Amino acid sequence: MALNVGCSAAPGRARDNKTGSWRVFKPVFKHETCTKCGLCETICPEGCVKEDKDGFFVPDLDYCKGCGLCAKECPADDIEMVQEEK
């Protein structure tokens, strides 16, 4: 006997859901003190931080939700969360 829990939506991922206009804060990666450790890429729950061709990490702001985990966990304090301009 199958159990129907009534859930019609699968869990979301960053690549399925663009941010839209509701984000309040966005990360600014300064790259001045970045050690290129990659922790920001690892910790991002949306998977929207990627390494660029120079080895620095950049967020894809089309998908970033502005949670601030990357800034909170960055050991070099290289990421600043700034209020989104509307």
PDB file of N, CA and C in Angstrom:
ATOM      1  N   MET A   1       0.847  -1.167   0.000  1.00  0.00           N
ATOM      2  CA  MET A   1       0.000   0.000   0.000  1.00  0.00           C
ATOM      3  C   MET A   1       0.895   1.233   0.000  1.00  0.00           C
ATOM      4  N   ALA A   2       0.682   2.131  -0.955  1.00  0.00           N
ATOM      5  CA  ALA A   2       1.466   3.359  -1.073  1.00  0.00           C
ATOM      6  C   ALA A   2       0.940   4.408  -0.104  1.00  0.00           C
ATOM      7  N   LEU A   3       1.854   5.173   0.446  1.00  0.00           N
ATOM      8  CA  LEU A   3       1.492   6.248   1.357  1.00  0.00           C
ATOM      9  C   LEU A   3       1.511   7.562   0.595  1.00  0.00           C
ATOM     10  N   ASN A   4       0.399   8.216   0.505  1.00  0.00           N
ATOM     11  CA  ASN A   4       0.305   9.502  -0.169  1.00  0.00           C
ATOM     12  C   ASN A   4       0.261  10.592   0.895  1.00  0.00           C
ATOM     13  N   VAL A   5       1.333  11.412   0.952  1.00  0.00           N
ATOM     14  CA  VAL A   5       1.394  12.454   1.974  1.00  0.00           C
ATOM     15  C   VAL A   5       0.859  13.784   1.466  1.00  0.00           C
ATOM     16  N   GLY A   6       0.462  13.871   0.228  1.00  0.00           N
ATOM     17  CA  GLY A   6      -0.148  15.088  -0.290  1.00  0.00           C
ATOM     18  C   GLY A   6       0.832  16.176  -0.672  1.00  0.00           C
ATOM     19  N   CYS A   7       2.103  15.843  -0.792  1.00  0.00           N
ATOM     20  CA  CYS A   7       3.112  16.831  -1.163  1.00  0.00           C
ATOM     21  C   CYS A   7       3.328  16.752  -2.667  1.00  0.00           C
ATOM     22  N   SER A   8       3.097  17.852  -3.349  1.00  0.00           N
ATOM     23  CA  SER A   8       3.244  17.840  -4.798  1.00  0.00           C
ATOM     24  C   SER A   8       4.519  18.539  -5.266  1.00  0.00           C
ATOM     25  N   ALA A   9       5.262  19.171  -4.366  1.00  0.00           N
ATOM     26  CA  ALA A   9       6.466  19.893  -4.761  1.00  0.00           C
ATOM     27  C   ALA A   9       7.700  19.215  -4.194  1.00  0.00           C
ATOM     28  N   ALA A  10       8.737  19.109  -5.004  1.00  0.00           N
ATOM     29  CA  ALA A  10      10.013  18.569  -4.545  1.00  0.00           C
ATOM     30  C   ALA A  10      10.784  19.671  -3.838  1.00  0.00           C
ATOM     31  N   PRO A  11      11.751  19.312  -3.008  1.00  0.00           N
ATOM     32  CA  PRO A  11      12.574  20.339  -2.366  1.00  0.00           C
ATOM     33  C   PRO A  11      13.241  21.225  -3.410  1.00  0.00           C
ATOM     34  N   GLY A  12      13.369  22.498  -3.121  1.00  0.00           N
ATOM     35  CA  GLY A  12      13.926  23.449  -4.069  1.00  0.00           C
ATOM     36  C   GLY A  12      15.435  23.464  -4.073  1.00  0.00           C
ATOM     37  N   ARG A  13      15.996  23.958  -5.150  1.00  0.00           N
ATOM     38  CA  ARG A  13      17.422  24.180  -5.275  1.00  0.00           C
ATOM     39  C   ARG A  13      17.594  25.543  -5.919  1.00  0.00           C
ATOM     40  N   ALA A  14      18.778  26.103  -5.763  1.00  0.00           N
ATOM     41  CA  ALA A  14      19.033  27.438  -6.297  1.00  0.00           C
ATOM     42  C   ALA A  14      18.775  27.507  -7.787  1.00  0.00           C
ATOM     43  N   ARG A  15      19.183  26.525  -8.495  1.00  0.00           N
ATOM     44  CA  ARG A  15      19.049  26.554  -9.946  1.00  0.00           C
ATOM     45  C   ARG A  15      17.608  26.379 -10.406  1.00  0.00           C
ATOM     46  N   ASP A  16      16.717  26.061  -9.488  1.00  0.00           N
ATOM     47  CA  ASP A  16      15.308  25.949  -9.832  1.00  0.00           C
ATOM     48  C   ASP A  16      14.554  27.242  -9.540  1.00  0.00           C
ATOM     49  N   ASN A  17      15.096  28.055  -8.644  1.00  0.00           N
ATOM     50  CA  ASN A  17      14.353  29.216  -8.169  1.00  0.00           C
ATOM     51  C   ASN A  17      15.220  30.470  -8.166  1.00  0.00           C
ATOM     52  N   LYS A  18      14.961  31.384  -9.082  1.00  0.00           N
ATOM     53  CA  LYS A  18      15.668  32.658  -9.074  1.00  0.00           C
ATOM     54  C   LYS A  18      15.200  33.482  -7.891  1.00  0.00           C
ATOM     55  N   THR A  19      16.064  34.398  -7.468  1.00  0.00           N
ATOM     56  CA  THR A  19      15.770  35.197  -6.298  1.00  0.00           C
ATOM     57  C   THR A  19      14.588  36.136  -6.516  1.00  0.00           C
ATOM     58  N   GLY A  20      14.526  36.771  -7.633  1.00  0.00           N
ATOM     59  CA  GLY A  20      13.463  37.745  -7.840  1.00  0.00           C
ATOM     60  C   GLY A  20      13.779  39.044  -7.141  1.00  0.00           C
ATOM     61  N   SER A  21      12.778  39.747  -6.682  1.00  0.00           N
ATOM     62  CA  SER A  21      12.998  41.073  -6.099  1.00  0.00           C
ATOM     63  C   SER A  21      12.869  41.078  -4.580  1.00  0.00           C
ATOM     64  N   TRP A  22      12.761  39.936  -3.947  1.00  0.00           N
ATOM     65  CA  TRP A  22      12.507  39.901  -2.507  1.00  0.00           C
ATOM     66  C   TRP A  22      13.764  39.873  -1.653  1.00  0.00           C
ATOM     67  N   ARG A  23      14.942  39.661  -2.242  1.00  0.00           N
ATOM     68  CA  ARG A  23      16.164  39.571  -1.437  1.00  0.00           C
ATOM     69  C   ARG A  23      16.413  40.910  -0.743  1.00  0.00           C
ATOM     70  N   VAL A  24      16.787  40.883   0.531  1.00  0.00           N
ATOM     71  CA  VAL A  24      17.018  42.096   1.320  1.00  0.00           C
ATOM     72  C   VAL A  24      18.506  42.446   1.369  1.00  0.00           C
ATOM     73  N   PHE A  25      19.359  41.444   1.478  1.00  0.00           N
ATOM     74  CA  PHE A  25      20.806  41.663   1.527  1.00  0.00           C
ATOM     75  C   PHE A  25      21.475  40.847   0.426  1.00  0.00           C
ATOM     76  N   LYS A  26      22.620  41.357  -0.032  1.00  0.00           N
ATOM     77  CA  LYS A  26      23.409  40.601  -1.008  1.00  0.00           C
ATOM     78  C   LYS A  26      24.879  40.616  -0.574  1.00  0.00           C
ATOM     79  N   PRO A  27      25.626  39.568  -0.908  1.00  0.00           N
ATOM     80  CA  PRO A  27      27.042  39.529  -0.531  1.00  0.00           C
ATOM     81  C   PRO A  27      27.888  40.307  -1.538  1.00  0.00           C
ATOM     82  N   VAL A  28      28.878  41.001  -1.002  1.00  0.00           N
ATOM     83  CA  VAL A  28      29.877  41.663  -1.839  1.00  0.00           C
ATOM     84  C   VAL A  28      31.218  41.021  -1.521  1.00  0.00           C
ATOM     85  N   PHE A  29      31.794  40.358  -2.498  1.00  0.00           N
ATOM     86  CA  PHE A  29      33.081  39.690  -2.341  1.00  0.00           C
ATOM     87  C   PHE A  29      34.165  40.694  -2.707  1.00  0.00           C
ATOM     88  N   LYS A  30      35.011  41.050  -1.741  1.00  0.00           N
ATOM     89  CA  LYS A  30      35.997  42.109  -1.961  1.00  0.00           C
ATOM     90  C   LYS A  30      37.269  41.598  -2.648  1.00  0.00           C
ATOM     91  N   HIS A  31      37.644  40.358  -2.433  1.00  0.00           N
ATOM     92  CA  HIS A  31      38.815  39.704  -3.024  1.00  0.00           C
ATOM     93  C   HIS A  31      40.142  40.300  -2.555  1.00  0.00           C
ATOM     94  N   GLU A  32      40.115  41.304  -1.683  1.00  0.00           N
ATOM     95  CA  GLU A  32      41.360  41.917  -1.203  1.00  0.00           C
ATOM     96  C   GLU A  32      42.063  41.045  -0.170  1.00  0.00           C
ATOM     97  N   THR A  33      41.282  40.365   0.645  1.00  0.00           N
ATOM     98  CA  THR A  33      41.862  39.516   1.682  1.00  0.00           C
ATOM     99  C   THR A  33      41.530  38.040   1.462  1.00  0.00           C
ATOM    100  N   CYS A  34      40.918  37.727   0.332  1.00  0.00           N
ATOM    101  CA  CYS A  34      40.492  36.352   0.045  1.00  0.00           C
ATOM    102  C   CYS A  34      41.691  35.414  -0.011  1.00  0.00           C
ATOM    103  N   THR A  35      41.570  34.291   0.686  1.00  0.00           N
ATOM    104  CA  THR A  35      42.628  33.284   0.672  1.00  0.00           C
ATOM    105  C   THR A  35      42.317  32.159  -0.307  1.00  0.00           C
ATOM    106  N   LYS A  36      41.190  32.285  -1.009  1.00  0.00           N
ATOM    107  CA  LYS A  36      40.749  31.287  -1.996  1.00  0.00           C
ATOM    108  C   LYS A  36      40.570  29.902  -1.363  1.00  0.00           C
ATOM    109  N   CYS A  37      40.100  29.904  -0.116  1.00  0.00           N
ATOM    110  CA  CYS A  37      39.923  28.633   0.596  1.00  0.00           C
ATOM    111  C   CYS A  37      38.704  27.859   0.093  1.00  0.00           C
ATOM    112  N   GLY A  38      37.729  28.569  -0.470  1.00  0.00           N
ATOM    113  CA  GLY A  38      36.555  27.901  -1.015  1.00  0.00           C
ATOM    114  C   GLY A  38      35.481  27.579  -0.009  1.00  0.00           C
ATOM    115  N   LEU A  39      35.624  28.037   1.232  1.00  0.00           N
ATOM    116  CA  LEU A  39      34.608  27.744   2.245  1.00  0.00           C
ATOM    117  C   LEU A  39      33.259  28.368   1.862  1.00  0.00           C
ATOM    118  N   CYS A  40      33.286  29.542   1.254  1.00  0.00           N
ATOM    119  CA  CYS A  40      32.037  30.198   0.849  1.00  0.00           C
ATOM    120  C   CYS A  40      31.282  29.342  -0.169  1.00  0.00           C
ATOM    121  N   GLU A  41      31.995  28.723  -1.067  1.00  0.00           N
ATOM    122  CA  GLU A  41      31.364  27.850  -2.056  1.00  0.00           C
ATOM    123  C   GLU A  41      30.780  26.611  -1.382  1.00  0.00           C
ATOM    124  N   THR A  42      31.504  26.091  -0.414  1.00  0.00           N
ATOM    125  CA  THR A  42      31.065  24.882   0.286  1.00  0.00           C
ATOM    126  C   THR A  42      29.859  25.143   1.178  1.00  0.00           C
ATOM    127  N   ILE A  43      29.849  26.295   1.848  1.00  0.00           N
ATOM    128  CA  ILE A  43      28.809  26.561   2.846  1.00  0.00           C
ATOM    129  C   ILE A  43      27.507  27.074   2.226  1.00  0.00           C
ATOM    130  N   CYS A  44      27.548  27.602   1.017  1.00  0.00           N
ATOM    131  CA  CYS A  44      26.352  28.189   0.399  1.00  0.00           C
ATOM    132  C   CYS A  44      25.264  27.125   0.223  1.00  0.00           C
ATOM    133  N   PRO A  45      24.123  27.289   0.910  1.00  0.00           N
ATOM    134  CA  PRO A  45      23.072  26.276   0.802  1.00  0.00           C
ATOM    135  C   PRO A  45      22.382  26.277  -0.558  1.00  0.00           C
ATOM    136  N   GLU A  46      22.536  27.337  -1.311  1.00  0.00           N
ATOM    137  CA  GLU A  46      21.905  27.424  -2.626  1.00  0.00           C
ATOM    138  C   GLU A  46      22.832  26.998  -3.760  1.00  0.00           C
ATOM    139  N   GLY A  47      24.101  26.812  -3.454  1.00  0.00           N
ATOM    140  CA  GLY A  47      25.053  26.408  -4.482  1.00  0.00           C
ATOM    141  C   GLY A  47      25.289  27.476  -5.524  1.00  0.00           C
ATOM    142  N   CYS A  48      25.179  28.736  -5.127  1.00  0.00           N
ATOM    143  CA  CYS A  48      25.309  29.803  -6.120  1.00  0.00           C
ATOM    144  C   CYS A  48      26.646  30.539  -6.052  1.00  0.00           C
ATOM    145  N   VAL A  49      27.601  30.078  -5.235  1.00  0.00           N
ATOM    146  CA  VAL A  49      28.945  30.664  -5.213  1.00  0.00           C
ATOM    147  C   VAL A  49      29.851  29.758  -6.040  1.00  0.00           C
ATOM    148  N   LYS A  50      30.504  30.355  -7.017  1.00  0.00           N
ATOM    149  CA  LYS A  50      31.362  29.580  -7.920  1.00  0.00           C
ATOM    150  C   LYS A  50      32.717  30.244  -8.060  1.00  0.00           C
ATOM    151  N   GLU A  51      33.708  29.462  -8.420  1.00  0.00           N
ATOM    152  CA  GLU A  51      35.065  29.948  -8.633  1.00  0.00           C
ATOM    153  C   GLU A  51      35.172  30.535 -10.031  1.00  0.00           C
ATOM    154  N   ASP A  52      35.802  31.724 -10.131  1.00  0.00           N
ATOM    155  CA  ASP A  52      35.985  32.320 -11.454  1.00  0.00           C
ATOM    156  C   ASP A  52      37.325  31.885 -12.046  1.00  0.00           C
ATOM    157  N   LYS A  53      37.674  32.414 -13.190  1.00  0.00           N
ATOM    158  CA  LYS A  53      38.895  31.982 -13.890  1.00  0.00           C
ATOM    159  C   LYS A  53      40.168  32.373 -13.153  1.00  0.00           C
ATOM    160  N   ASP A  54      40.100  33.339 -12.234  1.00  0.00           N
ATOM    161  CA  ASP A  54      41.271  33.764 -11.467  1.00  0.00           C
ATOM    162  C   ASP A  54      41.380  33.056 -10.118  1.00  0.00           C
ATOM    163  N   GLY A  55      40.462  32.162  -9.835  1.00  0.00           N
ATOM    164  CA  GLY A  55      40.502  31.417  -8.579  1.00  0.00           C
ATOM    165  C   GLY A  55      39.751  32.078  -7.445  1.00  0.00           C
ATOM    166  N   PHE A  56      39.148  33.244  -7.710  1.00  0.00           N
ATOM    167  CA  PHE A  56      38.328  33.894  -6.699  1.00  0.00           C
ATOM    168  C   PHE A  56      36.907  33.345  -6.787  1.00  0.00           C
ATOM    169  N   PHE A  57      36.162  33.555  -5.715  1.00  0.00           N
ATOM    170  CA  PHE A  57      34.791  33.051  -5.674  1.00  0.00           C
ATOM    171  C   PHE A  57      33.825  34.211  -5.828  1.00  0.00           C
ATOM    172  N   VAL A  58      32.777  33.984  -6.596  1.00  0.00           N
ATOM    173  CA  VAL A  58      31.781  35.025  -6.871  1.00  0.00           C
ATOM    174  C   VAL A  58      30.385  34.420  -6.740  1.00  0.00           C
ATOM    175  N   PRO A  59      29.436  35.212  -6.238  1.00  0.00           N
ATOM    176  CA  PRO A  59      28.068  34.702  -6.143  1.00  0.00           C
ATOM    177  C   PRO A  59      27.300  34.962  -7.438  1.00  0.00           C
ATOM    178  N   ASP A  60      26.401  34.082  -7.751  1.00  0.00           N
ATOM    179  CA  ASP A  60      25.469  34.315  -8.857  1.00  0.00           C
ATOM    180  C   ASP A  60      24.247  34.988  -8.229  1.00  0.00           C
ATOM    181  N   LEU A  61      24.169  36.301  -8.398  1.00  0.00           N
ATOM    182  CA  LEU A  61      23.120  37.076  -7.730  1.00  0.00           C
ATOM    183  C   LEU A  61      21.728  36.809  -8.294  1.00  0.00           C
ATOM    184  N   ASP A  62      21.634  36.133  -9.411  1.00  0.00           N
ATOM    185  CA  ASP A  62      20.312  35.750  -9.918  1.00  0.00           C
ATOM    186  C   ASP A  62      19.681  34.681  -9.020  1.00  0.00           C
ATOM    187  N   TYR A  63      20.538  33.940  -8.278  1.00  0.00           N
ATOM    188  CA  TYR A  63      20.033  32.841  -7.457  1.00  0.00           C
ATOM    189  C   TYR A  63      20.325  32.994  -5.967  1.00  0.00           C
ATOM    190  N   CYS A  64      21.225  33.913  -5.595  1.00  0.00           N
ATOM    191  CA  CYS A  64      21.575  34.128  -4.190  1.00  0.00           C
ATOM    192  C   CYS A  64      20.357  34.634  -3.419  1.00  0.00           C
ATOM    193  N   LYS A  65      20.102  34.031  -2.259  1.00  0.00           N
ATOM    194  CA  LYS A  65      18.956  34.428  -1.442  1.00  0.00           C
ATOM    195  C   LYS A  65      19.358  35.432  -0.368  1.00  0.00           C
ATOM    196  N   GLY A  66      20.659  35.711  -0.229  1.00  0.00           N
ATOM    197  CA  GLY A  66      21.130  36.701   0.740  1.00  0.00           C
ATOM    198  C   GLY A  66      21.103  36.220   2.171  1.00  0.00           C
ATOM    199  N   CYS A  67      21.308  34.940   2.393  1.00  0.00           N
ATOM    200  CA  CYS A  67      21.245  34.391   3.753  1.00  0.00           C
ATOM    201  C   CYS A  67      22.430  34.826   4.612  1.00  0.00           C
ATOM    202  N   GLY A  68      23.575  35.114   3.986  1.00  0.00           N
ATOM    203  CA  GLY A  68      24.733  35.608   4.716  1.00  0.00           C
ATOM    204  C   GLY A  68      25.633  34.540   5.305  1.00  0.00           C
ATOM    205  N   LEU A  69      25.365  33.276   5.058  1.00  0.00           N
ATOM    206  CA  LEU A  69      26.227  32.223   5.599  1.00  0.00           C
ATOM    207  C   LEU A  69      27.651  32.338   5.065  1.00  0.00           C
ATOM    208  N   CYS A  70      27.807  32.715   3.808  1.00  0.00           N
ATOM    209  CA  CYS A  70      29.148  32.858   3.228  1.00  0.00           C
ATOM    210  C   CYS A  70      29.942  33.926   3.977  1.00  0.00           C
ATOM    211  N   ALA A  71      29.303  35.056   4.274  1.00  0.00           N
ATOM    212  CA  ALA A  71      29.983  36.139   4.988  1.00  0.00           C
ATOM    213  C   ALA A  71      30.283  35.742   6.430  1.00  0.00           C
ATOM    214  N   LYS A  72      29.354  35.041   7.050  1.00  0.00           N
ATOM    215  CA  LYS A  72      29.528  34.639   8.449  1.00  0.00           C
ATOM    216  C   LYS A  72      30.668  33.648   8.611  1.00  0.00           C
ATOM    217  N   GLU A  73      30.835  32.748   7.659  1.00  0.00           N
ATOM    218  CA  GLU A  73      31.833  31.684   7.780  1.00  0.00           C
ATOM    219  C   GLU A  73      33.168  32.007   7.129  1.00  0.00           C
ATOM    220  N   CYS A  74      33.273  33.096   6.371  1.00  0.00           N
ATOM    221  CA  CYS A  74      34.531  33.430   5.694  1.00  0.00           C
ATOM    222  C   CYS A  74      35.620  33.706   6.733  1.00  0.00           C
ATOM    223  N   PRO A  75      36.709  32.918   6.737  1.00  0.00           N
ATOM    224  CA  PRO A  75      37.758  33.117   7.746  1.00  0.00           C
ATOM    225  C   PRO A  75      38.558  34.399   7.530  1.00  0.00           C
ATOM    226  N   ALA A  76      38.507  34.995   6.348  1.00  0.00           N
ATOM    227  CA  ALA A  76      39.273  36.208   6.056  1.00  0.00           C
ATOM    228  C   ALA A  76      38.413  37.469   6.113  1.00  0.00           C
ATOM    229  N   ASP A  77      37.151  37.353   6.494  1.00  0.00           N
ATOM    230  CA  ASP A  77      36.209  38.485   6.507  1.00  0.00           C
ATOM    231  C   ASP A  77      36.250  39.234   5.181  1.00  0.00           C
ATOM    232  N   ASP A  78      36.271  38.506   4.103  1.00  0.00           N
ATOM    233  CA  ASP A  78      36.375  39.094   2.774  1.00  0.00           C
ATOM    234  C   ASP A  78      35.008  39.366   2.146  1.00  0.00           C
ATOM    235  N   ILE A  79      33.944  38.901   2.778  1.00  0.00           N
ATOM    236  CA  ILE A  79      32.600  39.052   2.217  1.00  0.00           C
ATOM    237  C   ILE A  79      31.781  39.944   3.130  1.00  0.00           C
ATOM    238  N   GLU A  80      31.177  40.957   2.536  1.00  0.00           N
ATOM    239  CA  GLU A  80      30.339  41.888   3.292  1.00  0.00           C
ATOM    240  C   GLU A  80      28.905  41.782   2.782  1.00  0.00           C
ATOM    241  N   MET A  81      27.962  41.740   3.704  1.00  0.00           N
ATOM    242  CA  MET A  81      26.547  41.722   3.316  1.00  0.00           C
ATOM    243  C   MET A  81      26.063  43.170   3.298  1.00  0.00           C
ATOM    244  N   VAL A  82      25.546  43.602   2.172  1.00  0.00           N
ATOM    245  CA  VAL A  82      25.048  44.969   2.033  1.00  0.00           C
ATOM    246  C   VAL A  82      23.564  44.919   1.684  1.00  0.00           C
ATOM    247  N   GLN A  83      22.861  45.959   2.108  1.00  0.00           N
ATOM    248  CA  GLN A  83      21.424  46.007   1.846  1.00  0.00           C
ATOM    249  C   GLN A  83      21.174  46.206   0.360  1.00  0.00           C
ATOM    250  N   GLU A  84      20.255  45.435  -0.146  1.00  0.00           N
ATOM    251  CA  GLU A  84      19.897  45.491  -1.561  1.00  0.00           C
ATOM    252  C   GLU A  84      19.187  46.802  -1.857  1.00  0.00           C
ATOM    253  N   GLU A  85      19.590  47.486  -2.915  1.00  0.00           N
ATOM    254  CA  GLU A  85      18.909  48.714  -3.326  1.00  0.00           C
ATOM    255  C   GLU A  85      17.693  48.345  -4.158  1.00  0.00           C
ATOM    256  N   LYS A  86      16.591  48.971  -3.875  1.00  0.00           N
ATOM    257  CA  LYS A  86      15.338  48.694  -4.607  1.00  0.00           C
ATOM    258  C   LYS A  86      15.018  49.830  -5.546  1.00  0.00           C
TER     259      LYS A  86
END
